[in-house]
Amino acid sequence: MVVFNLLMSFMQTLSLNLLWGMINALQMIVFLPLYNITFPASVNQLFSVLIQFATFDIIPYIDDIYDFLFKFKFAGAEVE
């Protein structure tokens, strides 16, 4: 049981270190457009997708969804 617990602890530590490394690499990639470097259009497209992912802007139309769910219209007047 002790050996199993040590193995599981090692696996969890290893996986969290990999996750932390991926987050660190994503952070460095997302900050690249802030430098005064000219990138090709395809790289700028990739940066825009990565920035949306890194800032948790996964749902691009959240304002429209909010308006649909929480703003009710009664005879031309909006009520929240």
C-alpha atoms as a PDB file:
ATOM      1  CA  MET A   1       0.000   0.000   0.000  1.00  0.00           C
ATOM      2  CA  VAL A   2       2.825   2.389   0.836  1.00  0.00           C
ATOM      3  CA  VAL A   3       4.572   1.676  -2.471  1.00  0.00           C
ATOM      4  CA  PHE A   4       1.336   2.226  -4.378  1.00  0.00           C
ATOM      5  CA  ASN A   5       0.799   5.515  -2.551  1.00  0.00           C
ATOM      6  CA  LEU A   6       4.345   6.668  -3.389  1.00  0.00           C
ATOM      7  CA  LEU A   7       3.888   5.734  -7.058  1.00  0.00           C
ATOM      8  CA  MET A   8       0.594   7.594  -7.282  1.00  0.00           C
ATOM      9  CA  SER A   9       2.101  10.646  -5.585  1.00  0.00           C
ATOM     10  CA  PHE A  10       5.003  10.600  -8.053  1.00  0.00           C
ATOM     11  CA  MET A  11       2.635  10.320 -11.036  1.00  0.00           C
ATOM     12  CA  GLN A  12       0.496  13.186  -9.778  1.00  0.00           C
ATOM     13  CA  THR A  13       3.526  15.403  -9.206  1.00  0.00           C
ATOM     14  CA  LEU A  14       4.862  14.589 -12.657  1.00  0.00           C
ATOM     15  CA  SER A  15       1.563  15.356 -14.378  1.00  0.00           C
ATOM     16  CA  LEU A  16       1.142  18.659 -12.513  1.00  0.00           C
ATOM     17  CA  ASN A  17       4.687  19.661 -13.492  1.00  0.00           C
ATOM     18  CA  LEU A  18       3.856  18.958 -17.140  1.00  0.00           C
ATOM     19  CA  LEU A  19       0.660  20.995 -16.870  1.00  0.00           C
ATOM     20  CA  TRP A  20       2.528  23.888 -15.270  1.00  0.00           C
ATOM     21  CA  GLY A  21       5.128  23.742 -18.047  1.00  0.00           C
ATOM     22  CA  MET A  22       2.419  23.891 -20.722  1.00  0.00           C
ATOM     23  CA  ILE A  23       0.781  26.895 -19.038  1.00  0.00           C
ATOM     24  CA  ASN A  24       4.166  28.625 -18.820  1.00  0.00           C
ATOM     25  CA  ALA A  25       4.867  27.997 -22.519  1.00  0.00           C
ATOM     26  CA  LEU A  26       1.395  29.256 -23.483  1.00  0.00           C
ATOM     27  CA  GLN A  27       1.993  32.425 -21.480  1.00  0.00           C
ATOM     28  CA  MET A  28       5.273  33.095 -23.287  1.00  0.00           C
ATOM     29  CA  ILE A  29       3.687  32.469 -26.695  1.00  0.00           C
ATOM     30  CA  VAL A  30       0.718  34.741 -25.948  1.00  0.00           C
ATOM     31  CA  PHE A  31       3.014  37.641 -25.018  1.00  0.00           C
ATOM     32  CA  LEU A  32       5.020  37.408 -28.273  1.00  0.00           C
ATOM     33  CA  PRO A  33       2.700  39.781 -30.225  1.00  0.00           C
ATOM     34  CA  LEU A  34       3.479  42.548 -27.714  1.00  0.00           C
ATOM     35  CA  TYR A  35       7.026  42.784 -29.080  1.00  0.00           C
ATOM     36  CA  ASN A  36       7.645  45.003 -32.068  1.00  0.00           C
ATOM     37  CA  ILE A  37       8.161  42.098 -34.494  1.00  0.00           C
ATOM     38  CA  THR A  38       6.409  41.597 -37.818  1.00  0.00           C
ATOM     39  CA  PHE A  39       4.814  38.159 -38.045  1.00  0.00           C
ATOM     40  CA  PRO A  40       3.194  36.493 -41.074  1.00  0.00           C
ATOM     41  CA  ALA A  41      -0.601  36.541 -41.290  1.00  0.00           C
ATOM     42  CA  SER A  42      -0.913  32.860 -40.440  1.00  0.00           C
ATOM     43  CA  VAL A  43       1.053  33.359 -37.218  1.00  0.00           C
ATOM     44  CA  ASN A  44      -1.119  36.364 -36.308  1.00  0.00           C
ATOM     45  CA  GLN A  45      -4.194  34.185 -36.847  1.00  0.00           C
ATOM     46  CA  LEU A  46      -2.720  31.553 -34.527  1.00  0.00           C
ATOM     47  CA  PHE A  47      -1.924  34.211 -31.934  1.00  0.00           C
ATOM     48  CA  SER A  48      -5.503  35.493 -31.997  1.00  0.00           C
ATOM     49  CA  VAL A  49      -6.836  31.987 -31.334  1.00  0.00           C
ATOM     50  CA  LEU A  50      -4.311  31.338 -28.565  1.00  0.00           C
ATOM     51  CA  ILE A  51      -5.043  34.674 -26.902  1.00  0.00           C
ATOM     52  CA  GLN A  52      -8.771  33.899 -26.848  1.00  0.00           C
ATOM     53  CA  PHE A  53      -8.003  30.513 -25.310  1.00  0.00           C
ATOM     54  CA  ALA A  54      -5.552  31.916 -22.748  1.00  0.00           C
ATOM     55  CA  THR A  55      -7.941  34.659 -21.612  1.00  0.00           C
ATOM     56  CA  PHE A  56     -10.775  32.120 -21.269  1.00  0.00           C
ATOM     57  CA  ASP A  57     -12.766  33.881 -23.968  1.00  0.00           C
ATOM     58  CA  ILE A  58     -13.906  30.517 -25.279  1.00  0.00           C
ATOM     59  CA  ILE A  59     -17.484  31.590 -25.923  1.00  0.00           C
ATOM     60  CA  PRO A  60     -17.173  34.525 -28.344  1.00  0.00           C
ATOM     61  CA  TYR A  61     -20.814  35.542 -28.211  1.00  0.00           C
ATOM     62  CA  ILE A  62     -21.315  35.586 -24.446  1.00  0.00           C
ATOM     63  CA  ASP A  63     -22.981  39.023 -24.553  1.00  0.00           C
ATOM     64  CA  ASP A  64     -25.570  37.779 -27.050  1.00  0.00           C
ATOM     65  CA  ILE A  65     -26.221  34.714 -24.904  1.00  0.00           C
ATOM     66  CA  TYR A  66     -26.588  36.924 -21.826  1.00  0.00           C
ATOM     67  CA  ASP A  67     -29.054  39.186 -23.641  1.00  0.00           C
ATOM     68  CA  PHE A  68     -31.042  36.175 -24.828  1.00  0.00           C
ATOM     69  CA  LEU A  69     -31.244  34.603 -21.373  1.00  0.00           C
ATOM     70  CA  PHE A  70     -31.678  37.579 -19.065  1.00  0.00           C
ATOM     71  CA  LYS A  71     -33.239  40.454 -20.989  1.00  0.00           C
ATOM     72  CA  PHE A  72     -36.927  40.116 -21.615  1.00  0.00           C
ATOM     73  CA  LYS A  73     -38.800  42.225 -24.117  1.00  0.00           C
ATOM     74  CA  PHE A  74     -42.386  43.249 -23.420  1.00  0.00           C
ATOM     75  CA  ALA A  75     -44.137  45.261 -26.144  1.00  0.00           C
ATOM     76  CA  GLY A  76     -40.988  47.016 -27.302  1.00  0.00           C
ATOM     77  CA  ALA A  77     -39.556  47.735 -23.857  1.00  0.00           C
ATOM     78  CA  GLU A  78     -36.606  45.872 -22.360  1.00  0.00           C
ATOM     79  CA  VAL A  79     -36.797  44.661 -18.773  1.00  0.00           C
ATOM     80  CA  GLU A  80     -33.874  43.117 -16.884  1.00  0.00           C
END
